[in-house]
Amino acid sequence: MFQTNTSFRNRKTLPIKYWFVDKGSKMEKHTDFKGLRVIAVEDNVVCAKIIERFLEKMECHFQVFDDPENALRSLKEKSFDLAIIDLNNPSIAGTLLADKFQQICPDLNMLATTAFVESYSREECLNHGFKELLLKPLNAETLAQGIEKAMQPARLFTEEELKETLAYFDDDVEFMEKNFQVMMKKISSKTQDLENAINDNDFQKITFASHSIKNSLMYFGKSKALTAIKEIEDASRKSEDINFHYPLNTFKQNLSEIDDKVAAIRKAVHDEKTNYPSIKLMNQYKTTA
């Protein structure tokens, strides 16, 4: 087991803001993590030291383990607010370890880390209870952003929001699955086209790319990403000289909301333990439009 700080206090709310500086980079505003109780499982010595250094600087109470079994024993003995789990531990898959953590502490907030982006999808992590997935190499800024998101209350989509999306697919689960994949790939591809068009200040290409993205996003109902992309399309059609990078960044920062909604819909349709108990059969929402 790596170096630990075990003087825990009872604190779960994170209301205060502070300005954090990482090695001379620009200052970013994040939540105050002082007093946060964190358990981390990381077998890479360098990554473990980065996590320890960050948590110590933020005045968190923490334990960092290289052995998952020791971490499980500690979780049974102490209370934690957050778990940081490496998905690629040699002795146990991080998703399986997350399931074990949740059996012991169902309300534990969890943050996943991995150096192998192709091994795990964000949706797979969400399905195992993680709030966010961070790609290595880690640094103070990415850890701060990840922890801040992991400590936010879970976003439960309303039945109306899910029905709004299901209605587009006429109750055909197979059709829905194929279209989810097609639309997410299209959004990813057109986002790159949009960035290039904005950098080239080409209004025609900006309009074309943003319109294409908008059409795909509309299947998922209202979202901040959709609002931002509409702003880009409207301005480009009018050839307005605005800073397109601002709504573009808003769009990109909120795309995870679409991933979350896709995961929620799949869970609602396929999982009887869903948090949306009345959404169990697609034909309950057969559209008559």
C-alpha atoms as a PDB file:
ATOM      1  CA  MET A   1       0.000   0.000   0.000  1.00  0.00           C
ATOM      2  CA  PHE A   2       1.213   3.468  -0.835  1.00  0.00           C
ATOM      3  CA  GLN A   3       1.439   6.430   1.513  1.00  0.00           C
ATOM      4  CA  THR A   4      -1.882   7.346   3.098  1.00  0.00           C
ATOM      5  CA  ASN A   5      -3.573  10.084   5.039  1.00  0.00           C
ATOM      6  CA  THR A   6      -6.199   8.537   7.287  1.00  0.00           C
ATOM      7  CA  SER A   7      -7.528  11.346   9.527  1.00  0.00           C
ATOM      8  CA  PHE A   8     -11.108  11.275   8.203  1.00  0.00           C
ATOM      9  CA  ARG A   9     -13.781  13.878   8.888  1.00  0.00           C
ATOM     10  CA  ASN A  10     -17.489  13.795   8.114  1.00  0.00           C
ATOM     11  CA  ARG A  11     -17.904  16.093   5.138  1.00  0.00           C
ATOM     12  CA  LYS A  12     -19.644  15.437   1.838  1.00  0.00           C
ATOM     13  CA  THR A  13     -20.846  18.803   0.571  1.00  0.00           C
ATOM     14  CA  LEU A  14     -18.540  20.869  -1.623  1.00  0.00           C
ATOM     15  CA  PRO A  15     -19.989  24.387  -1.800  1.00  0.00           C
ATOM     16  CA  ILE A  16     -16.883  26.595  -1.863  1.00  0.00           C
ATOM     17  CA  LYS A  17     -14.957  27.743  -4.939  1.00  0.00           C
ATOM     18  CA  TYR A  18     -11.217  28.324  -5.135  1.00  0.00           C
ATOM     19  CA  TRP A  19      -8.633  29.315  -7.734  1.00  0.00           C
ATOM     20  CA  PHE A  20      -6.221  26.497  -8.513  1.00  0.00           C
ATOM     21  CA  VAL A  21      -2.887  26.889 -10.290  1.00  0.00           C
ATOM     22  CA  ASP A  22      -1.072  23.897 -11.818  1.00  0.00           C
ATOM     23  CA  LYS A  23       2.632  24.361 -12.671  1.00  0.00           C
ATOM     24  CA  GLY A  24       2.264  27.828 -14.085  1.00  0.00           C
ATOM     25  CA  SER A  25      -0.812  27.099 -16.179  1.00  0.00           C
ATOM     26  CA  LYS A  26      -3.774  29.436 -16.263  1.00  0.00           C
ATOM     27  CA  MET A  27      -5.961  29.505 -13.175  1.00  0.00           C
ATOM     28  CA  GLU A  28      -9.125  27.419 -13.242  1.00  0.00           C
ATOM     29  CA  LYS A  29     -12.032  27.683 -10.845  1.00  0.00           C
ATOM     30  CA  HIS A  30     -12.951  24.467  -9.068  1.00  0.00           C
ATOM     31  CA  THR A  31     -14.798  23.229  -6.025  1.00  0.00           C
ATOM     32  CA  ASP A  32     -12.991  23.168  -2.681  1.00  0.00           C
ATOM     33  CA  PHE A  33     -12.148  19.520  -1.944  1.00  0.00           C
ATOM     34  CA  LYS A  34     -10.938  20.131   1.623  1.00  0.00           C
ATOM     35  CA  GLY A  35     -12.045  17.334   3.936  1.00  0.00           C
ATOM     36  CA  LEU A  36     -13.176  15.047   1.111  1.00  0.00           C
ATOM     37  CA  ARG A  37     -12.665  11.374   2.011  1.00  0.00           C
ATOM     38  CA  VAL A  38     -11.097   9.560  -0.934  1.00  0.00           C
ATOM     39  CA  ILE A  39     -10.043   5.963  -1.542  1.00  0.00           C
ATOM     40  CA  ALA A  40      -7.935   5.276  -4.642  1.00  0.00           C
ATOM     41  CA  VAL A  41      -6.802   2.042  -6.290  1.00  0.00           C
ATOM     42  CA  GLU A  42      -3.787   2.534  -8.554  1.00  0.00           C
ATOM     43  CA  ASP A  43      -0.953   0.047  -9.139  1.00  0.00           C
ATOM     44  CA  ASN A  44       1.203   2.423 -11.194  1.00  0.00           C
ATOM     45  CA  VAL A  45       3.624   4.110  -8.794  1.00  0.00           C
ATOM     46  CA  VAL A  46       3.876   7.343 -10.790  1.00  0.00           C
ATOM     47  CA  CYS A  47       0.101   7.719 -11.170  1.00  0.00           C
ATOM     48  CA  ALA A  48      -0.383   6.900  -7.502  1.00  0.00           C
ATOM     49  CA  LYS A  49       2.074   9.643  -6.512  1.00  0.00           C
ATOM     50  CA  ILE A  50       0.284  12.165  -8.729  1.00  0.00           C
ATOM     51  CA  ILE A  51      -3.030  11.299  -7.076  1.00  0.00           C
ATOM     52  CA  GLU A  52      -1.495  11.449  -3.589  1.00  0.00           C
ATOM     53  CA  ARG A  53       0.193  14.785  -4.252  1.00  0.00           C
ATOM     54  CA  PHE A  54      -3.014  16.316  -5.568  1.00  0.00           C
ATOM     55  CA  LEU A  55      -5.207  15.020  -2.717  1.00  0.00           C
ATOM     56  CA  GLU A  56      -2.662  16.140  -0.131  1.00  0.00           C
ATOM     57  CA  LYS A  57      -2.495  19.625  -1.649  1.00  0.00           C
ATOM     58  CA  MET A  58      -6.303  19.815  -1.630  1.00  0.00           C
ATOM     59  CA  GLU A  59      -6.335  18.809   2.069  1.00  0.00           C
ATOM     60  CA  CYS A  60      -8.371  15.673   1.420  1.00  0.00           C
ATOM     61  CA  HIS A  61      -8.348  12.658   3.716  1.00  0.00           C
ATOM     62  CA  PHE A  62      -7.251   9.745   1.580  1.00  0.00           C
ATOM     63  CA  GLN A  63      -5.904   6.237   1.203  1.00  0.00           C
ATOM     64  CA  VAL A  64      -4.177   5.028  -1.963  1.00  0.00           C
ATOM     65  CA  PHE A  65      -3.816   1.276  -2.546  1.00  0.00           C
ATOM     66  CA  ASP A  66      -2.030  -0.804  -5.153  1.00  0.00           C
ATOM     67  CA  ASP A  67      -3.815  -3.954  -3.933  1.00  0.00           C
ATOM     68  CA  PRO A  68      -7.605  -4.020  -4.578  1.00  0.00           C
ATOM     69  CA  GLU A  69      -8.194  -6.534  -1.770  1.00  0.00           C
ATOM     70  CA  ASN A  70      -6.679  -4.146   0.778  1.00  0.00           C
ATOM     71  CA  ALA A  71      -8.846  -1.373  -0.626  1.00  0.00           C
ATOM     72  CA  LEU A  72     -11.969  -3.514  -0.220  1.00  0.00           C
ATOM     73  CA  ARG A  73     -11.074  -4.243   3.400  1.00  0.00           C
ATOM     74  CA  SER A  74     -10.554  -0.544   4.092  1.00  0.00           C
ATOM     75  CA  LEU A  75     -13.888   0.328   2.468  1.00  0.00           C
ATOM     76  CA  LYS A  76     -15.641  -2.071   4.847  1.00  0.00           C
ATOM     77  CA  GLU A  77     -14.008  -0.387   7.846  1.00  0.00           C
ATOM     78  CA  LYS A  78     -14.180   3.320   6.928  1.00  0.00           C
ATOM     79  CA  SER A  79     -16.526   5.756   5.204  1.00  0.00           C
ATOM     80  CA  PHE A  80     -15.505   7.432   1.959  1.00  0.00           C
ATOM     81  CA  ASP A  81     -17.076  10.059  -0.286  1.00  0.00           C
ATOM     82  CA  LEU A  82     -15.204   9.182  -3.479  1.00  0.00           C
ATOM     83  CA  ALA A  83     -13.320   6.284  -5.065  1.00  0.00           C
ATOM     84  CA  ILE A  84     -10.727   6.736  -7.830  1.00  0.00           C
ATOM     85  CA  ILE A  85     -10.262   3.393  -9.604  1.00  0.00           C
ATOM     86  CA  ASP A  86      -7.742   2.413 -12.278  1.00  0.00           C
ATOM     87  CA  LEU A  87      -9.630   0.252 -14.781  1.00  0.00           C
ATOM     88  CA  ASN A  88      -6.560  -1.758 -15.777  1.00  0.00           C
ATOM     89  CA  ASN A  89      -5.368  -3.208 -12.481  1.00  0.00           C
ATOM     90  CA  PRO A  90      -3.569  -6.519 -13.224  1.00  0.00           C
ATOM     91  CA  SER A  91      -5.380  -8.439 -10.491  1.00  0.00           C
ATOM     92  CA  ILE A  92      -8.991  -7.376 -11.192  1.00  0.00           C
ATOM     93  CA  ALA A  93     -10.868  -5.404 -13.842  1.00  0.00           C
ATOM     94  CA  GLY A  94     -11.759  -1.930 -12.622  1.00  0.00           C
ATOM     95  CA  THR A  95     -15.406  -2.385 -13.605  1.00  0.00           C
ATOM     96  CA  LEU A  96     -15.637  -5.541 -11.483  1.00  0.00           C
ATOM     97  CA  LEU A  97     -13.943  -3.764  -8.579  1.00  0.00           C
ATOM     98  CA  ALA A  98     -16.452  -0.929  -8.934  1.00  0.00           C
ATOM     99  CA  ASP A  99     -19.295  -3.441  -8.629  1.00  0.00           C
ATOM    100  CA  LYS A 100     -17.736  -4.785  -5.417  1.00  0.00           C
ATOM    101  CA  PHE A 101     -17.307  -1.247  -4.075  1.00  0.00           C
ATOM    102  CA  GLN A 102     -20.979  -0.504  -4.725  1.00  0.00           C
ATOM    103  CA  GLN A 103     -22.064  -3.667  -2.934  1.00  0.00           C
ATOM    104  CA  ILE A 104     -20.283  -2.376   0.166  1.00  0.00           C
ATOM    105  CA  CYS A 105     -21.169   1.308  -0.266  1.00  0.00           C
ATOM    106  CA  PRO A 106     -24.074   1.873  -2.726  1.00  0.00           C
ATOM    107  CA  ASP A 107     -23.861   5.683  -2.466  1.00  0.00           C
ATOM    108  CA  LEU A 108     -20.125   5.920  -3.157  1.00  0.00           C
ATOM    109  CA  ASN A 109     -19.167   8.355  -5.930  1.00  0.00           C
ATOM    110  CA  MET A 110     -16.673   6.760  -8.327  1.00  0.00           C
ATOM    111  CA  LEU A 111     -14.164   8.098 -10.840  1.00  0.00           C
ATOM    112  CA  ALA A 112     -12.462   5.805 -13.398  1.00  0.00           C
ATOM    113  CA  THR A 113      -8.988   6.251 -14.883  1.00  0.00           C
ATOM    114  CA  THR A 114      -7.342   4.417 -17.785  1.00  0.00           C
ATOM    115  CA  ALA A 115      -4.420   4.730 -20.179  1.00  0.00           C
ATOM    116  CA  PHE A 116      -6.189   2.590 -22.787  1.00  0.00           C
ATOM    117  CA  VAL A 117      -9.012   4.612 -24.310  1.00  0.00           C
ATOM    118  CA  GLU A 118      -9.957   1.776 -26.676  1.00  0.00           C
ATOM    119  CA  SER A 119     -10.517  -0.683 -23.806  1.00  0.00           C
ATOM    120  CA  TYR A 120     -13.463   1.023 -22.108  1.00  0.00           C
ATOM    121  CA  SER A 121     -16.277   3.241 -23.343  1.00  0.00           C
ATOM    122  CA  ARG A 122     -17.728   6.035 -21.257  1.00  0.00           C
ATOM    123  CA  GLU A 123     -21.109   4.314 -21.413  1.00  0.00           C
ATOM    124  CA  GLU A 124     -19.658   1.068 -20.045  1.00  0.00           C
ATOM    125  CA  CYS A 125     -18.219   3.032 -17.138  1.00  0.00           C
ATOM    126  CA  LEU A 126     -21.579   4.710 -16.493  1.00  0.00           C
ATOM    127  CA  ASN A 127     -23.253   1.302 -16.433  1.00  0.00           C
ATOM    128  CA  HIS A 128     -20.866   0.216 -13.660  1.00  0.00           C
ATOM    129  CA  GLY A 129     -21.603   3.267 -11.527  1.00  0.00           C
ATOM    130  CA  PHE A 130     -18.721   5.558 -12.482  1.00  0.00           C
ATOM    131  CA  LYS A 131     -19.531   9.247 -12.778  1.00  0.00           C
ATOM    132  CA  GLU A 132     -16.651  10.053 -15.135  1.00  0.00           C
ATOM    133  CA  LEU A 133     -13.746   8.494 -17.047  1.00  0.00           C
ATOM    134  CA  LEU A 134     -10.321  10.197 -17.044  1.00  0.00           C
ATOM    135  CA  LEU A 135      -7.599   9.356 -19.538  1.00  0.00           C
ATOM    136  CA  LYS A 136      -3.994   9.074 -18.406  1.00  0.00           C
ATOM    137  CA  PRO A 137      -1.539  10.671 -18.041  1.00  0.00           C
ATOM    138  CA  LEU A 138      -3.219  12.394 -15.116  1.00  0.00           C
ATOM    139  CA  ASN A 139      -2.486  15.903 -13.947  1.00  0.00           C
ATOM    140  CA  ALA A 140      -3.886  18.228 -11.310  1.00  0.00           C
ATOM    141  CA  GLU A 141      -6.293  19.974 -13.665  1.00  0.00           C
ATOM    142  CA  THR A 142      -7.883  16.808 -15.078  1.00  0.00           C
ATOM    143  CA  LEU A 143      -8.168  15.340 -11.575  1.00  0.00           C
ATOM    144  CA  ALA A 144      -9.872  18.504 -10.319  1.00  0.00           C
ATOM    145  CA  GLN A 145     -12.364  18.479 -13.186  1.00  0.00           C
ATOM    146  CA  GLY A 146     -13.043  14.760 -12.808  1.00  0.00           C
ATOM    147  CA  ILE A 147     -13.550  14.879  -9.042  1.00  0.00           C
ATOM    148  CA  GLU A 148     -15.788  17.919  -9.350  1.00  0.00           C
ATOM    149  CA  LYS A 149     -18.009  16.094 -11.832  1.00  0.00           C
ATOM    150  CA  ALA A 150     -17.965  12.846  -9.844  1.00  0.00           C
ATOM    151  CA  MET A 151     -19.204  14.650  -6.733  1.00  0.00           C
ATOM    152  CA  GLN A 152     -22.151  16.251  -8.516  1.00  0.00           C
ATOM    153  CA  PRO A 153     -25.596  14.717  -7.882  1.00  0.00           C
ATOM    154  CA  ALA A 154     -26.588  12.061 -10.414  1.00  0.00           C
ATOM    155  CA  ARG A 155     -28.588  13.321 -13.370  1.00  0.00           C
ATOM    156  CA  LEU A 156     -31.887  11.416 -13.633  1.00  0.00           C
ATOM    157  CA  PHE A 157     -33.674  12.018 -16.899  1.00  0.00           C
ATOM    158  CA  THR A 158     -37.443  12.362 -16.639  1.00  0.00           C
ATOM    159  CA  GLU A 159     -39.807   9.928 -18.303  1.00  0.00           C
ATOM    160  CA  GLU A 160     -40.878  12.701 -20.673  1.00  0.00           C
ATOM    161  CA  GLU A 161     -37.269  13.239 -21.764  1.00  0.00           C
ATOM    162  CA  LEU A 162     -36.812   9.533 -22.460  1.00  0.00           C
ATOM    163  CA  LYS A 163     -40.171   9.222 -24.207  1.00  0.00           C
ATOM    164  CA  GLU A 164     -39.245  12.161 -26.418  1.00  0.00           C
ATOM    165  CA  THR A 165     -36.261  10.204 -27.699  1.00  0.00           C
ATOM    166  CA  LEU A 166     -37.994   6.820 -27.874  1.00  0.00           C
ATOM    167  CA  ALA A 167     -40.766   8.307 -30.003  1.00  0.00           C
ATOM    168  CA  TYR A 168     -38.338   8.907 -32.861  1.00  0.00           C
ATOM    169  CA  PHE A 169     -37.641   5.194 -33.196  1.00  0.00           C
ATOM    170  CA  ASP A 170     -41.216   3.867 -33.403  1.00  0.00           C
ATOM    171  CA  ASP A 171     -40.631   1.305 -30.630  1.00  0.00           C
ATOM    172  CA  ASP A 172     -38.079  -0.688 -32.640  1.00  0.00           C
ATOM    173  CA  VAL A 173     -35.188  -1.521 -30.283  1.00  0.00           C
ATOM    174  CA  GLU A 174     -32.915  -2.873 -33.022  1.00  0.00           C
ATOM    175  CA  PHE A 175     -33.579   0.196 -35.164  1.00  0.00           C
ATOM    176  CA  MET A 176     -32.880   2.417 -32.154  1.00  0.00           C
ATOM    177  CA  GLU A 177     -29.540   0.742 -31.410  1.00  0.00           C
ATOM    178  CA  LYS A 178     -28.322   1.009 -35.003  1.00  0.00           C
ATOM    179  CA  ASN A 179     -29.310   4.655 -35.206  1.00  0.00           C
ATOM    180  CA  PHE A 180     -27.658   5.529 -31.892  1.00  0.00           C
ATOM    181  CA  GLN A 181     -24.361   4.247 -33.264  1.00  0.00           C
ATOM    182  CA  VAL A 182     -24.785   5.960 -36.633  1.00  0.00           C
ATOM    183  CA  MET A 183     -25.762   9.305 -35.119  1.00  0.00           C
ATOM    184  CA  MET A 184     -22.985   9.387 -32.536  1.00  0.00           C
ATOM    185  CA  LYS A 185     -20.397   8.636 -35.251  1.00  0.00           C
ATOM    186  CA  LYS A 186     -21.946  11.313 -37.438  1.00  0.00           C
ATOM    187  CA  ILE A 187     -21.826  13.866 -34.624  1.00  0.00           C
ATOM    188  CA  SER A 188     -18.164  13.049 -33.978  1.00  0.00           C
ATOM    189  CA  SER A 189     -17.233  13.342 -37.658  1.00  0.00           C
ATOM    190  CA  LYS A 190     -19.190  16.540 -38.259  1.00  0.00           C
ATOM    191  CA  THR A 191     -17.772  18.108 -35.097  1.00  0.00           C
ATOM    192  CA  GLN A 192     -14.307  17.866 -36.626  1.00  0.00           C
ATOM    193  CA  ASP A 193     -15.661  19.366 -39.863  1.00  0.00           C
ATOM    194  CA  LEU A 194     -17.228  22.171 -37.852  1.00  0.00           C
ATOM    195  CA  GLU A 195     -13.995  22.959 -36.015  1.00  0.00           C
ATOM    196  CA  ASN A 196     -12.102  23.104 -39.311  1.00  0.00           C
ATOM    197  CA  ALA A 197     -14.743  25.357 -40.874  1.00  0.00           C
ATOM    198  CA  ILE A 198     -14.663  27.721 -37.891  1.00  0.00           C
ATOM    199  CA  ASN A 199     -10.872  27.898 -38.025  1.00  0.00           C
ATOM    200  CA  ASP A 200     -11.143  28.707 -41.756  1.00  0.00           C
ATOM    201  CA  ASN A 201     -13.966  31.201 -41.098  1.00  0.00           C
ATOM    202  CA  ASP A 202     -15.979  29.509 -43.871  1.00  0.00           C
ATOM    203  CA  PHE A 203     -19.622  30.403 -43.171  1.00  0.00           C
ATOM    204  CA  GLN A 204     -21.009  27.982 -45.761  1.00  0.00           C
ATOM    205  CA  LYS A 205     -19.158  25.001 -44.299  1.00  0.00           C
ATOM    206  CA  ILE A 206     -20.020  26.116 -40.751  1.00  0.00           C
ATOM    207  CA  THR A 207     -23.705  26.162 -41.708  1.00  0.00           C
ATOM    208  CA  PHE A 208     -23.543  22.746 -43.371  1.00  0.00           C
ATOM    209  CA  ALA A 209     -21.712  21.037 -40.487  1.00  0.00           C
ATOM    210  CA  SER A 210     -23.767  22.634 -37.694  1.00  0.00           C
ATOM    211  CA  HIS A 211     -27.039  21.827 -39.483  1.00  0.00           C
ATOM    212  CA  SER A 212     -25.991  18.182 -39.840  1.00  0.00           C
ATOM    213  CA  ILE A 213     -25.060  17.962 -36.149  1.00  0.00           C
ATOM    214  CA  LYS A 214     -28.312  19.656 -35.146  1.00  0.00           C
ATOM    215  CA  ASN A 215     -30.381  17.100 -37.065  1.00  0.00           C
ATOM    216  CA  SER A 216     -28.686  14.265 -35.174  1.00  0.00           C
ATOM    217  CA  LEU A 217     -28.924  15.964 -31.774  1.00  0.00           C
ATOM    218  CA  MET A 218     -32.647  16.604 -32.196  1.00  0.00           C
ATOM    219  CA  TYR A 219     -33.299  12.865 -31.811  1.00  0.00           C
ATOM    220  CA  PHE A 220     -32.108  13.128 -28.218  1.00  0.00           C
ATOM    221  CA  GLY A 221     -34.456  15.926 -27.175  1.00  0.00           C
ATOM    222  CA  LYS A 222     -33.549  19.198 -25.507  1.00  0.00           C
ATOM    223  CA  SER A 223     -29.951  19.650 -24.386  1.00  0.00           C
ATOM    224  CA  LYS A 224     -27.356  22.358 -23.845  1.00  0.00           C
ATOM    225  CA  ALA A 225     -25.364  20.884 -26.722  1.00  0.00           C
ATOM    226  CA  LEU A 226     -28.344  21.311 -29.066  1.00  0.00           C
ATOM    227  CA  THR A 227     -28.901  24.916 -27.945  1.00  0.00           C
ATOM    228  CA  ALA A 228     -25.241  25.748 -28.599  1.00  0.00           C
ATOM    229  CA  ILE A 229     -25.202  24.158 -32.048  1.00  0.00           C
ATOM    230  CA  LYS A 230     -28.383  26.023 -33.016  1.00  0.00           C
ATOM    231  CA  GLU A 231     -26.655  29.268 -32.039  1.00  0.00           C
ATOM    232  CA  ILE A 232     -23.782  28.420 -34.376  1.00  0.00           C
ATOM    233  CA  GLU A 233     -26.091  27.519 -37.262  1.00  0.00           C
ATOM    234  CA  ASP A 234     -28.239  30.643 -36.869  1.00  0.00           C
ATOM    235  CA  ALA A 235     -25.211  32.951 -36.773  1.00  0.00           C
ATOM    236  CA  SER A 236     -23.525  31.289 -39.749  1.00  0.00           C
ATOM    237  CA  ARG A 237     -26.676  31.491 -41.887  1.00  0.00           C
ATOM    238  CA  LYS A 238     -26.775  35.230 -41.215  1.00  0.00           C
ATOM    239  CA  SER A 239     -22.996  35.515 -41.739  1.00  0.00           C
ATOM    240  CA  GLU A 240     -22.734  37.138 -38.318  1.00  0.00           C
ATOM    241  CA  ASP A 241     -19.183  37.824 -37.198  1.00  0.00           C
ATOM    242  CA  ILE A 242     -19.296  36.192 -33.759  1.00  0.00           C
ATOM    243  CA  ASN A 243     -16.754  34.208 -31.776  1.00  0.00           C
ATOM    244  CA  PHE A 244     -17.900  30.743 -32.860  1.00  0.00           C
ATOM    245  CA  HIS A 245     -15.406  29.089 -30.516  1.00  0.00           C
ATOM    246  CA  TYR A 246     -17.514  30.031 -27.480  1.00  0.00           C
ATOM    247  CA  PRO A 247     -20.701  28.126 -28.477  1.00  0.00           C
ATOM    248  CA  LEU A 248     -18.490  25.395 -29.971  1.00  0.00           C
ATOM    249  CA  ASN A 249     -16.827  24.842 -26.591  1.00  0.00           C
ATOM    250  CA  THR A 250     -20.237  24.874 -24.878  1.00  0.00           C
ATOM    251  CA  PHE A 251     -21.429  22.240 -27.348  1.00  0.00           C
ATOM    252  CA  LYS A 252     -18.380  20.007 -26.820  1.00  0.00           C
ATOM    253  CA  GLN A 253     -18.471  20.347 -23.024  1.00  0.00           C
ATOM    254  CA  ASN A 254     -22.110  19.200 -22.930  1.00  0.00           C
ATOM    255  CA  LEU A 255     -21.924  16.310 -25.391  1.00  0.00           C
ATOM    256  CA  SER A 256     -21.559  13.943 -22.438  1.00  0.00           C
ATOM    257  CA  GLU A 257     -25.208  14.743 -21.652  1.00  0.00           C
ATOM    258  CA  ILE A 258     -26.134  12.921 -24.869  1.00  0.00           C
ATOM    259  CA  ASP A 259     -24.016   9.913 -23.865  1.00  0.00           C
ATOM    260  CA  ASP A 260     -25.748   9.905 -20.486  1.00  0.00           C
ATOM    261  CA  LYS A 261     -29.178  10.010 -22.106  1.00  0.00           C
ATOM    262  CA  VAL A 262     -28.325   7.123 -24.440  1.00  0.00           C
ATOM    263  CA  ALA A 263     -27.159   5.096 -21.432  1.00  0.00           C
ATOM    264  CA  ALA A 264     -30.349   5.993 -19.539  1.00  0.00           C
ATOM    265  CA  ILE A 265     -32.568   4.954 -22.447  1.00  0.00           C
ATOM    266  CA  ARG A 266     -30.794   1.626 -22.839  1.00  0.00           C
ATOM    267  CA  LYS A 267     -31.098   1.037 -19.120  1.00  0.00           C
ATOM    268  CA  ALA A 268     -34.771   1.976 -19.155  1.00  0.00           C
ATOM    269  CA  VAL A 269     -35.480  -0.418 -22.010  1.00  0.00           C
ATOM    270  CA  HIS A 270     -33.326  -3.386 -21.036  1.00  0.00           C
ATOM    271  CA  ASP A 271     -32.824  -3.317 -17.245  1.00  0.00           C
ATOM    272  CA  GLU A 272     -35.672  -4.263 -14.927  1.00  0.00           C
ATOM    273  CA  LYS A 273     -33.808  -2.599 -12.062  1.00  0.00           C
ATOM    274  CA  THR A 274     -34.021   0.740 -13.831  1.00  0.00           C
ATOM    275  CA  ASN A 275     -34.687   3.971 -11.957  1.00  0.00           C
ATOM    276  CA  TYR A 276     -37.500   4.552 -14.438  1.00  0.00           C
ATOM    277  CA  PRO A 277     -39.846   1.734 -13.345  1.00  0.00           C
ATOM    278  CA  SER A 278     -42.703   2.554 -15.736  1.00  0.00           C
ATOM    279  CA  ILE A 279     -40.394   2.482 -18.774  1.00  0.00           C
ATOM    280  CA  LYS A 280     -39.910  -1.235 -19.265  1.00  0.00           C
ATOM    281  CA  LEU A 281     -41.540  -1.984 -22.601  1.00  0.00           C
ATOM    282  CA  MET A 282     -41.009   0.046 -25.727  1.00  0.00           C
ATOM    283  CA  ASN A 283     -44.617  -0.421 -26.851  1.00  0.00           C
ATOM    284  CA  GLN A 284     -45.800   1.575 -23.821  1.00  0.00           C
ATOM    285  CA  TYR A 285     -44.669   4.627 -25.720  1.00  0.00           C
ATOM    286  CA  LYS A 286     -45.782   3.805 -29.247  1.00  0.00           C
ATOM    287  CA  THR A 287     -46.195   7.129 -30.969  1.00  0.00           C
ATOM    288  CA  THR A 288     -49.413   7.944 -32.808  1.00  0.00           C
ATOM    289  CA  ALA A 289     -47.961  11.001 -34.529  1.00  0.00           C
END
